[in-house]
Amino acid sequence: MATAKSILDQPLSNIVTYNPMCASLDTTLEELLEQVYMVGFHHWPVVDDDRHVAGIISDEDVVRTAAAHEAANMSGRFRKSGAPVCVSEFMSKRVYTISYDTDVAAALQMILDKGVNSLPVTEDERLSAMVTSTDFLREFSYSEDETCKAPVKTYVDLTPVQVPFDASIEEVKFTCEAHGVIYAVVMNGDCPLGVVSRRDIRRAKSRDLARVMYLKEDPKLIRATDIIRESHSILPTDTLHTAAQTLHNMQLQALVVANRQNDLVGILTQEHILQAML
């Protein structure tokens, strides 16, 4: 079983995800929106015919672009016209890539410094794999290093943004943006119900867009409590190892930290754990 130290010392090839899902330059917005909606994909490297990395797309790019077209009453363009919206029209051309020679610690530091969740790994300038924050979290969740034994309270954010359970997801998004954060604790009075992230909001919006565009339904008012995927909390005295296992197993990005009376103490995020690994 790997230790946290060996995670940083081993070759990058031991950690990466091979044969990642990717998009081509002519992949359509409709196709990516369906993947966000049905499968929950978060990022796609965009490659040309020779698998050179030409750009990258996030679920945020997909939802934002789809929402803009829907707002302009252009959704029919995705399905009926001869000019669908292609990835090349809205992808980010600024891509941070690494190679298999990149030091594992350097790759992790780049993820944290650049505020990204994934890095394409190239070999001979062609896409070969991806390394993601989830890959590092998975490795840490298997670890037995001393860092894993550290109590959660050492790393917890004690002043997280809080939103009421009946706030709309647009209100939650605005609140997060106003405070420059990506997570908010959903509260029912003094009781924490769970943590929502901007990624959770994007997925909820993609589902609502899909209903509007494909099923011709009216948009729904989605509230914060509707998108809490798991109502789960950990104690301040729990270990980082326990927290990492919970995040990884439940596919969460953050956890409520509460005392035994269920009073809010703060939140622990995957970024806190990744930083602790360095």
C-alpha atoms as a PDB file:
ATOM      1  CA  MET A   1       0.000   0.000   0.000  1.00  0.00           C
ATOM      2  CA  ALA A   2       1.400   3.385  -0.978  1.00  0.00           C
ATOM      3  CA  THR A   3       2.366   6.051   1.538  1.00  0.00           C
ATOM      4  CA  ALA A   4       1.904   9.770   1.005  1.00  0.00           C
ATOM      5  CA  LYS A   5       5.664  10.118   0.603  1.00  0.00           C
ATOM      6  CA  SER A   6       5.785   7.423  -2.063  1.00  0.00           C
ATOM      7  CA  ILE A   7       2.912   9.104  -3.915  1.00  0.00           C
ATOM      8  CA  LEU A   8       5.166  12.087  -4.569  1.00  0.00           C
ATOM      9  CA  ASP A   9       8.231   9.960  -5.234  1.00  0.00           C
ATOM     10  CA  GLN A  10       6.750   7.458  -7.676  1.00  0.00           C
ATOM     11  CA  PRO A  11       6.572   7.997 -11.451  1.00  0.00           C
ATOM     12  CA  LEU A  12       3.684  10.056 -12.742  1.00  0.00           C
ATOM     13  CA  SER A  13       2.708   7.086 -14.917  1.00  0.00           C
ATOM     14  CA  ASN A  14       1.561   5.257 -11.762  1.00  0.00           C
ATOM     15  CA  ILE A  15      -1.056   7.898 -10.980  1.00  0.00           C
ATOM     16  CA  VAL A  16      -2.510   9.096 -14.280  1.00  0.00           C
ATOM     17  CA  THR A  17      -5.735   8.048 -15.975  1.00  0.00           C
ATOM     18  CA  TYR A  18      -4.992   6.540 -19.371  1.00  0.00           C
ATOM     19  CA  ASN A  19      -7.144   6.889 -22.501  1.00  0.00           C
ATOM     20  CA  PRO A  20      -9.076   9.876 -21.149  1.00  0.00           C
ATOM     21  CA  MET A  21     -12.364  10.991 -22.622  1.00  0.00           C
ATOM     22  CA  CYS A  22     -11.558  13.766 -25.076  1.00  0.00           C
ATOM     23  CA  ALA A  23     -13.269  15.946 -27.661  1.00  0.00           C
ATOM     24  CA  SER A  24     -12.367  16.663 -31.255  1.00  0.00           C
ATOM     25  CA  LEU A  25     -12.476  20.087 -32.837  1.00  0.00           C
ATOM     26  CA  ASP A  26     -15.830  19.288 -34.433  1.00  0.00           C
ATOM     27  CA  THR A  27     -17.471  17.787 -31.332  1.00  0.00           C
ATOM     28  CA  THR A  28     -20.705  19.692 -30.797  1.00  0.00           C
ATOM     29  CA  LEU A  29     -21.944  21.596 -27.790  1.00  0.00           C
ATOM     30  CA  GLU A  30     -25.000  19.351 -27.738  1.00  0.00           C
ATOM     31  CA  GLU A  31     -22.822  16.247 -27.383  1.00  0.00           C
ATOM     32  CA  LEU A  32     -20.882  17.697 -24.464  1.00  0.00           C
ATOM     33  CA  LEU A  33     -23.998  18.989 -22.723  1.00  0.00           C
ATOM     34  CA  GLU A  34     -25.399  15.468 -22.885  1.00  0.00           C
ATOM     35  CA  GLN A  35     -22.215  14.108 -21.275  1.00  0.00           C
ATOM     36  CA  VAL A  36     -22.445  16.656 -18.449  1.00  0.00           C
ATOM     37  CA  TYR A  37     -26.112  15.810 -17.992  1.00  0.00           C
ATOM     38  CA  MET A  38     -25.951  12.022 -18.271  1.00  0.00           C
ATOM     39  CA  VAL A  39     -22.499  11.117 -16.972  1.00  0.00           C
ATOM     40  CA  GLY A  40     -21.225  14.142 -15.078  1.00  0.00           C
ATOM     41  CA  PHE A  41     -17.981  14.689 -16.992  1.00  0.00           C
ATOM     42  CA  HIS A  42     -16.119  17.807 -15.894  1.00  0.00           C
ATOM     43  CA  HIS A  43     -13.325  18.353 -18.421  1.00  0.00           C
ATOM     44  CA  TRP A  44     -12.289  17.308 -21.909  1.00  0.00           C
ATOM     45  CA  PRO A  45      -8.966  17.870 -23.633  1.00  0.00           C
ATOM     46  CA  VAL A  46      -9.609  18.842 -27.251  1.00  0.00           C
ATOM     47  CA  VAL A  47      -7.380  17.087 -29.773  1.00  0.00           C
ATOM     48  CA  ASP A  48      -6.823  17.337 -33.502  1.00  0.00           C
ATOM     49  CA  ASP A  49      -6.598  14.395 -35.892  1.00  0.00           C
ATOM     50  CA  ASP A  50      -3.026  13.690 -34.738  1.00  0.00           C
ATOM     51  CA  ARG A  51      -4.010  13.827 -31.041  1.00  0.00           C
ATOM     52  CA  HIS A  52      -2.158  17.083 -30.493  1.00  0.00           C
ATOM     53  CA  VAL A  53      -3.825  19.014 -27.679  1.00  0.00           C
ATOM     54  CA  ALA A  54      -5.534  22.018 -29.251  1.00  0.00           C
ATOM     55  CA  GLY A  55      -7.538  23.222 -26.262  1.00  0.00           C
ATOM     56  CA  ILE A  56      -9.510  22.216 -23.221  1.00  0.00           C
ATOM     57  CA  ILE A  57     -13.184  22.402 -22.269  1.00  0.00           C
ATOM     58  CA  SER A  58     -14.712  22.421 -18.792  1.00  0.00           C
ATOM     59  CA  ASP A  59     -18.268  21.712 -17.768  1.00  0.00           C
ATOM     60  CA  GLU A  60     -18.458  25.402 -16.847  1.00  0.00           C
ATOM     61  CA  ASP A  61     -17.663  26.317 -20.471  1.00  0.00           C
ATOM     62  CA  VAL A  62     -20.350  23.936 -21.707  1.00  0.00           C
ATOM     63  CA  VAL A  63     -23.094  25.147 -19.381  1.00  0.00           C
ATOM     64  CA  ARG A  64     -22.253  28.826 -19.873  1.00  0.00           C
ATOM     65  CA  THR A  65     -22.259  28.521 -23.669  1.00  0.00           C
ATOM     66  CA  ALA A  66     -25.444  26.454 -23.758  1.00  0.00           C
ATOM     67  CA  ALA A  67     -27.191  28.904 -21.440  1.00  0.00           C
ATOM     68  CA  ALA A  68     -26.172  31.844 -23.620  1.00  0.00           C
ATOM     69  CA  HIS A  69     -27.553  30.192 -26.747  1.00  0.00           C
ATOM     70  CA  GLU A  70     -30.741  29.127 -25.020  1.00  0.00           C
ATOM     71  CA  ALA A  71     -31.255  32.635 -23.662  1.00  0.00           C
ATOM     72  CA  ALA A  72     -30.949  33.922 -27.224  1.00  0.00           C
ATOM     73  CA  ASN A  73     -33.581  31.383 -28.291  1.00  0.00           C
ATOM     74  CA  MET A  74     -31.078  29.522 -30.455  1.00  0.00           C
ATOM     75  CA  SER A  75     -31.480  26.013 -29.032  1.00  0.00           C
ATOM     76  CA  GLY A  76     -32.979  24.743 -32.282  1.00  0.00           C
ATOM     77  CA  ARG A  77     -29.651  25.416 -33.914  1.00  0.00           C
ATOM     78  CA  PHE A  78     -28.128  22.482 -32.013  1.00  0.00           C
ATOM     79  CA  ARG A  79     -30.459  19.959 -33.572  1.00  0.00           C
ATOM     80  CA  LYS A  80     -31.895  21.188 -36.827  1.00  0.00           C
ATOM     81  CA  SER A  81     -29.578  23.519 -38.663  1.00  0.00           C
ATOM     82  CA  GLY A  82     -26.508  22.644 -40.661  1.00  0.00           C
ATOM     83  CA  ALA A  83     -24.244  24.740 -38.427  1.00  0.00           C
ATOM     84  CA  PRO A  84     -24.050  23.219 -34.943  1.00  0.00           C
ATOM     85  CA  VAL A  85     -22.005  24.919 -32.255  1.00  0.00           C
ATOM     86  CA  CYS A  86     -18.613  23.193 -32.244  1.00  0.00           C
ATOM     87  CA  VAL A  87     -16.025  22.918 -29.507  1.00  0.00           C
ATOM     88  CA  SER A  88     -13.547  25.002 -31.487  1.00  0.00           C
ATOM     89  CA  GLU A  89     -15.841  28.016 -31.061  1.00  0.00           C
ATOM     90  CA  PHE A  90     -15.703  28.152 -27.266  1.00  0.00           C
ATOM     91  CA  MET A  91     -12.804  26.007 -26.017  1.00  0.00           C
ATOM     92  CA  SER A  92      -9.939  27.501 -24.057  1.00  0.00           C
ATOM     93  CA  LYS A  93      -6.775  27.486 -26.135  1.00  0.00           C
ATOM     94  CA  ARG A  94      -4.582  28.069 -23.104  1.00  0.00           C
ATOM     95  CA  VAL A  95      -3.793  24.585 -21.862  1.00  0.00           C
ATOM     96  CA  TYR A  96      -1.339  23.540 -19.170  1.00  0.00           C
ATOM     97  CA  THR A  97       0.178  20.211 -20.187  1.00  0.00           C
ATOM     98  CA  ILE A  98       2.779  17.989 -18.582  1.00  0.00           C
ATOM     99  CA  SER A  99       4.806  14.972 -19.656  1.00  0.00           C
ATOM    100  CA  TYR A 100       5.577  11.681 -17.967  1.00  0.00           C
ATOM    101  CA  ASP A 101       8.915  13.185 -16.914  1.00  0.00           C
ATOM    102  CA  THR A 102       7.143  15.781 -14.783  1.00  0.00           C
ATOM    103  CA  ASP A 103       7.731  15.367 -11.068  1.00  0.00           C
ATOM    104  CA  VAL A 104       4.573  14.215  -9.269  1.00  0.00           C
ATOM    105  CA  ALA A 105       4.880  16.960  -6.660  1.00  0.00           C
ATOM    106  CA  ALA A 106       5.282  19.541  -9.437  1.00  0.00           C
ATOM    107  CA  ALA A 107       2.133  18.255 -11.152  1.00  0.00           C
ATOM    108  CA  LEU A 108       0.164  18.484  -7.906  1.00  0.00           C
ATOM    109  CA  GLN A 109       1.514  21.970  -7.226  1.00  0.00           C
ATOM    110  CA  MET A 110       0.486  23.059 -10.728  1.00  0.00           C
ATOM    111  CA  ILE A 111      -3.072  21.824 -10.169  1.00  0.00           C
ATOM    112  CA  LEU A 112      -3.276  23.883  -6.987  1.00  0.00           C
ATOM    113  CA  ASP A 113      -1.492  26.978  -8.323  1.00  0.00           C
ATOM    114  CA  LYS A 114      -3.464  27.158 -11.571  1.00  0.00           C
ATOM    115  CA  GLY A 115      -6.784  26.370  -9.920  1.00  0.00           C
ATOM    116  CA  VAL A 116      -7.496  23.521 -12.343  1.00  0.00           C
ATOM    117  CA  ASN A 117      -8.721  19.998 -11.688  1.00  0.00           C
ATOM    118  CA  SER A 118      -6.892  18.219 -14.489  1.00  0.00           C
ATOM    119  CA  LEU A 119      -3.739  18.301 -16.584  1.00  0.00           C
ATOM    120  CA  PRO A 120      -3.328  16.585 -19.967  1.00  0.00           C
ATOM    121  CA  VAL A 121      -0.265  14.339 -20.111  1.00  0.00           C
ATOM    122  CA  THR A 122       1.463  14.260 -23.482  1.00  0.00           C
ATOM    123  CA  GLU A 123       3.959  11.876 -25.013  1.00  0.00           C
ATOM    124  CA  ASP A 124       5.725  12.939 -28.209  1.00  0.00           C
ATOM    125  CA  GLU A 125       3.432  16.000 -28.126  1.00  0.00           C
ATOM    126  CA  ARG A 126       0.329  13.792 -28.347  1.00  0.00           C
ATOM    127  CA  LEU A 127      -2.325  13.264 -25.683  1.00  0.00           C
ATOM    128  CA  SER A 128      -1.621  10.090 -23.742  1.00  0.00           C
ATOM    129  CA  ALA A 129      -3.322  10.472 -20.364  1.00  0.00           C
ATOM    130  CA  MET A 130      -4.790  12.874 -17.807  1.00  0.00           C
ATOM    131  CA  VAL A 131      -3.903  13.439 -14.187  1.00  0.00           C
ATOM    132  CA  THR A 132      -6.660  14.904 -12.047  1.00  0.00           C
ATOM    133  CA  SER A 133      -7.228  16.099  -8.516  1.00  0.00           C
ATOM    134  CA  THR A 134      -9.331  12.963  -8.075  1.00  0.00           C
ATOM    135  CA  ASP A 135      -6.326  10.791  -8.956  1.00  0.00           C
ATOM    136  CA  PHE A 136      -4.287  12.402  -6.177  1.00  0.00           C
ATOM    137  CA  LEU A 137      -7.170  12.190  -3.714  1.00  0.00           C
ATOM    138  CA  ARG A 138      -7.587   8.495  -4.523  1.00  0.00           C
ATOM    139  CA  GLU A 139      -3.902   7.810  -3.867  1.00  0.00           C
ATOM    140  CA  PHE A 140      -4.032   9.689  -0.569  1.00  0.00           C
ATOM    141  CA  SER A 141      -7.134   7.767   0.510  1.00  0.00           C
ATOM    142  CA  TYR A 142      -5.076   4.557   0.225  1.00  0.00           C
ATOM    143  CA  SER A 143      -2.117   6.023   2.107  1.00  0.00           C
ATOM    144  CA  GLU A 144      -0.780   5.209   5.571  1.00  0.00           C
ATOM    145  CA  ASP A 145       1.622   8.129   5.880  1.00  0.00           C
ATOM    146  CA  GLU A 146       1.820  10.192   9.077  1.00  0.00           C
ATOM    147  CA  THR A 147       0.062  13.060   7.294  1.00  0.00           C
ATOM    148  CA  CYS A 148      -3.029  10.870   7.013  1.00  0.00           C
ATOM    149  CA  LYS A 149      -3.230  10.701  10.797  1.00  0.00           C
ATOM    150  CA  ALA A 150      -3.478  14.483  11.170  1.00  0.00           C
ATOM    151  CA  PRO A 151      -6.814  15.670  12.587  1.00  0.00           C
ATOM    152  CA  VAL A 152      -9.214  17.429  10.272  1.00  0.00           C
ATOM    153  CA  LYS A 153      -9.323  20.450  12.608  1.00  0.00           C
ATOM    154  CA  THR A 154      -5.769  21.330  11.559  1.00  0.00           C
ATOM    155  CA  TYR A 155      -6.881  22.067   7.997  1.00  0.00           C
ATOM    156  CA  VAL A 156     -10.546  23.025   8.247  1.00  0.00           C
ATOM    157  CA  ASP A 157     -11.891  26.318   6.882  1.00  0.00           C
ATOM    158  CA  LEU A 158     -13.527  27.828   9.968  1.00  0.00           C
ATOM    159  CA  THR A 159     -15.361  30.634   8.158  1.00  0.00           C
ATOM    160  CA  PRO A 160     -17.110  29.075   5.162  1.00  0.00           C
ATOM    161  CA  VAL A 161     -19.758  30.925   3.200  1.00  0.00           C
ATOM    162  CA  GLN A 162     -23.249  29.946   4.350  1.00  0.00           C
ATOM    163  CA  VAL A 163     -26.499  30.005   2.383  1.00  0.00           C
ATOM    164  CA  PRO A 164     -30.069  29.184   3.468  1.00  0.00           C
ATOM    165  CA  PHE A 165     -31.540  25.897   2.280  1.00  0.00           C
ATOM    166  CA  ASP A 166     -34.229  27.678   0.256  1.00  0.00           C
ATOM    167  CA  ALA A 167     -31.816  29.911  -1.678  1.00  0.00           C
ATOM    168  CA  SER A 168     -31.968  29.446  -5.448  1.00  0.00           C
ATOM    169  CA  ILE A 169     -28.868  28.075  -7.130  1.00  0.00           C
ATOM    170  CA  GLU A 170     -28.469  31.430  -8.878  1.00  0.00           C
ATOM    171  CA  GLU A 171     -28.367  33.095  -5.457  1.00  0.00           C
ATOM    172  CA  VAL A 172     -25.828  30.522  -4.263  1.00  0.00           C
ATOM    173  CA  LYS A 173     -23.697  31.097  -7.364  1.00  0.00           C
ATOM    174  CA  PHE A 174     -23.816  34.877  -6.863  1.00  0.00           C
ATOM    175  CA  THR A 175     -22.899  34.523  -3.182  1.00  0.00           C
ATOM    176  CA  CYS A 176     -19.929  32.279  -3.981  1.00  0.00           C
ATOM    177  CA  GLU A 177     -18.703  34.637  -6.692  1.00  0.00           C
ATOM    178  CA  ALA A 178     -19.085  37.664  -4.408  1.00  0.00           C
ATOM    179  CA  HIS A 179     -16.891  35.985  -1.790  1.00  0.00           C
ATOM    180  CA  GLY A 180     -14.455  34.472  -4.292  1.00  0.00           C
ATOM    181  CA  VAL A 181     -15.113  30.895  -3.186  1.00  0.00           C
ATOM    182  CA  ILE A 182     -16.297  27.709  -4.869  1.00  0.00           C
ATOM    183  CA  TYR A 183     -18.091  26.105  -1.903  1.00  0.00           C
ATOM    184  CA  ALA A 184     -20.991  27.089   0.352  1.00  0.00           C
ATOM    185  CA  VAL A 185     -22.563  25.388   3.358  1.00  0.00           C
ATOM    186  CA  VAL A 186     -26.315  24.936   3.071  1.00  0.00           C
ATOM    187  CA  MET A 187     -27.945  25.765   6.392  1.00  0.00           C
ATOM    188  CA  ASN A 188     -31.362  25.165   7.924  1.00  0.00           C
ATOM    189  CA  GLY A 189     -31.199  27.692  10.727  1.00  0.00           C
ATOM    190  CA  ASP A 190     -28.128  26.704  12.744  1.00  0.00           C
ATOM    191  CA  CYS A 191     -28.056  23.171  11.332  1.00  0.00           C
ATOM    192  CA  PRO A 192     -25.639  22.427   8.459  1.00  0.00           C
ATOM    193  CA  LEU A 193     -27.240  20.259   5.786  1.00  0.00           C
ATOM    194  CA  GLY A 194     -24.292  19.816   3.451  1.00  0.00           C
ATOM    195  CA  VAL A 195     -21.866  21.539   1.111  1.00  0.00           C
ATOM    196  CA  VAL A 196     -22.591  22.567  -2.458  1.00  0.00           C
ATOM    197  CA  SER A 197     -19.934  23.527  -4.974  1.00  0.00           C
ATOM    198  CA  ARG A 198     -20.030  25.570  -8.133  1.00  0.00           C
ATOM    199  CA  ARG A 199     -19.605  22.244  -9.938  1.00  0.00           C
ATOM    200  CA  ASP A 200     -22.836  20.998  -8.338  1.00  0.00           C
ATOM    201  CA  ILE A 201     -24.554  24.164  -9.542  1.00  0.00           C
ATOM    202  CA  ARG A 202     -23.276  23.677 -13.092  1.00  0.00           C
ATOM    203  CA  ARG A 203     -24.536  20.115 -13.217  1.00  0.00           C
ATOM    204  CA  ALA A 204     -27.954  21.182 -11.929  1.00  0.00           C
ATOM    205  CA  LYS A 205     -28.099  23.913 -14.551  1.00  0.00           C
ATOM    206  CA  SER A 206     -27.113  21.461 -17.286  1.00  0.00           C
ATOM    207  CA  ARG A 207     -29.977  19.184 -16.281  1.00  0.00           C
ATOM    208  CA  ASP A 208     -32.393  22.093 -16.339  1.00  0.00           C
ATOM    209  CA  LEU A 209     -31.092  23.220 -19.732  1.00  0.00           C
ATOM    210  CA  ALA A 210     -31.525  19.714 -21.096  1.00  0.00           C
ATOM    211  CA  ARG A 211     -35.144  19.665 -19.951  1.00  0.00           C
ATOM    212  CA  VAL A 212     -35.784  23.030 -21.594  1.00  0.00           C
ATOM    213  CA  MET A 213     -33.971  22.267 -24.833  1.00  0.00           C
ATOM    214  CA  TYR A 214     -34.911  18.661 -25.452  1.00  0.00           C
ATOM    215  CA  LEU A 215     -38.159  18.108 -23.568  1.00  0.00           C
ATOM    216  CA  LYS A 216     -39.583  21.599 -24.151  1.00  0.00           C
ATOM    217  CA  GLU A 217     -40.285  21.961 -20.441  1.00  0.00           C
ATOM    218  CA  ASP A 218     -40.277  25.268 -18.597  1.00  0.00           C
ATOM    219  CA  PRO A 219     -37.203  26.114 -16.504  1.00  0.00           C
ATOM    220  CA  LYS A 220     -37.491  25.012 -12.883  1.00  0.00           C
ATOM    221  CA  LEU A 221     -36.612  26.947  -9.758  1.00  0.00           C
ATOM    222  CA  ILE A 222     -33.796  24.898  -8.247  1.00  0.00           C
ATOM    223  CA  ARG A 223     -32.916  25.525  -4.622  1.00  0.00           C
ATOM    224  CA  ALA A 224     -29.747  24.815  -2.681  1.00  0.00           C
ATOM    225  CA  THR A 225     -31.296  21.914  -0.815  1.00  0.00           C
ATOM    226  CA  ASP A 226     -32.159  20.248  -4.144  1.00  0.00           C
ATOM    227  CA  ILE A 227     -28.516  19.780  -5.126  1.00  0.00           C
ATOM    228  CA  ILE A 228     -27.012  18.482  -1.892  1.00  0.00           C
ATOM    229  CA  ARG A 229     -25.831  15.085  -3.071  1.00  0.00           C
ATOM    230  CA  GLU A 230     -24.856  13.654   0.314  1.00  0.00           C
ATOM    231  CA  SER A 231     -25.786  14.914   3.761  1.00  0.00           C
ATOM    232  CA  HIS A 232     -22.608  13.761   5.453  1.00  0.00           C
ATOM    233  CA  SER A 233     -20.379  15.394   8.052  1.00  0.00           C
ATOM    234  CA  ILE A 234     -17.154  14.534   9.817  1.00  0.00           C
ATOM    235  CA  LEU A 235     -15.834  15.424  13.257  1.00  0.00           C
ATOM    236  CA  PRO A 236     -12.947  17.841  13.833  1.00  0.00           C
ATOM    237  CA  THR A 237     -11.093  14.957  15.488  1.00  0.00           C
ATOM    238  CA  ASP A 238     -11.453  12.649  12.479  1.00  0.00           C
ATOM    239  CA  THR A 239      -8.310  12.110  10.437  1.00  0.00           C
ATOM    240  CA  LEU A 240      -7.431  13.376   6.983  1.00  0.00           C
ATOM    241  CA  HIS A 241      -7.356   9.736   5.920  1.00  0.00           C
ATOM    242  CA  THR A 242     -10.998   9.279   6.939  1.00  0.00           C
ATOM    243  CA  ALA A 243     -11.939  12.507   5.185  1.00  0.00           C
ATOM    244  CA  ALA A 244     -10.117  11.532   1.988  1.00  0.00           C
ATOM    245  CA  GLN A 245     -11.790   8.129   1.913  1.00  0.00           C
ATOM    246  CA  THR A 246     -15.209   9.735   2.401  1.00  0.00           C
ATOM    247  CA  LEU A 247     -14.638  12.311  -0.333  1.00  0.00           C
ATOM    248  CA  HIS A 248     -13.335   9.704  -2.753  1.00  0.00           C
ATOM    249  CA  ASN A 249     -15.952   7.035  -2.056  1.00  0.00           C
ATOM    250  CA  MET A 250     -18.863   9.487  -2.226  1.00  0.00           C
ATOM    251  CA  GLN A 251     -17.371  11.484  -5.118  1.00  0.00           C
ATOM    252  CA  LEU A 252     -17.622  14.722  -3.163  1.00  0.00           C
ATOM    253  CA  GLN A 253     -15.423  17.809  -3.222  1.00  0.00           C
ATOM    254  CA  ALA A 254     -16.032  19.049   0.318  1.00  0.00           C
ATOM    255  CA  LEU A 255     -17.438  17.921   3.650  1.00  0.00           C
ATOM    256  CA  VAL A 256     -19.185  19.654   6.524  1.00  0.00           C
ATOM    257  CA  VAL A 257     -17.129  19.541   9.702  1.00  0.00           C
ATOM    258  CA  ALA A 258     -19.455  19.543  12.725  1.00  0.00           C
ATOM    259  CA  ASN A 259     -19.242  18.644  16.390  1.00  0.00           C
ATOM    260  CA  ARG A 260     -21.246  15.879  18.028  1.00  0.00           C
ATOM    261  CA  GLN A 261     -24.131  18.293  18.587  1.00  0.00           C
ATOM    262  CA  ASN A 262     -24.134  18.951  14.816  1.00  0.00           C
ATOM    263  CA  ASP A 263     -22.996  22.546  15.281  1.00  0.00           C
ATOM    264  CA  LEU A 264     -21.090  23.820  12.264  1.00  0.00           C
ATOM    265  CA  VAL A 265     -17.330  23.987  12.778  1.00  0.00           C
ATOM    266  CA  GLY A 266     -16.320  24.554   9.151  1.00  0.00           C
ATOM    267  CA  ILE A 267     -15.636  22.668   5.939  1.00  0.00           C
ATOM    268  CA  LEU A 268     -12.833  20.487   4.642  1.00  0.00           C
ATOM    269  CA  THR A 269     -12.251  20.481   0.887  1.00  0.00           C
ATOM    270  CA  GLN A 270     -10.281  18.289  -1.463  1.00  0.00           C
ATOM    271  CA  GLU A 271      -7.938  21.252  -1.988  1.00  0.00           C
ATOM    272  CA  HIS A 272      -7.104  21.219   1.737  1.00  0.00           C
ATOM    273  CA  ILE A 273      -6.113  17.567   1.480  1.00  0.00           C
ATOM    274  CA  LEU A 274      -4.111  18.046  -1.715  1.00  0.00           C
ATOM    275  CA  GLN A 275      -2.213  20.908  -0.091  1.00  0.00           C
ATOM    276  CA  ALA A 276      -1.473  18.716   2.926  1.00  0.00           C
ATOM    277  CA  MET A 277       0.183  16.172   0.641  1.00  0.00           C
ATOM    278  CA  LEU A 278       2.941  18.584  -0.377  1.00  0.00           C
END
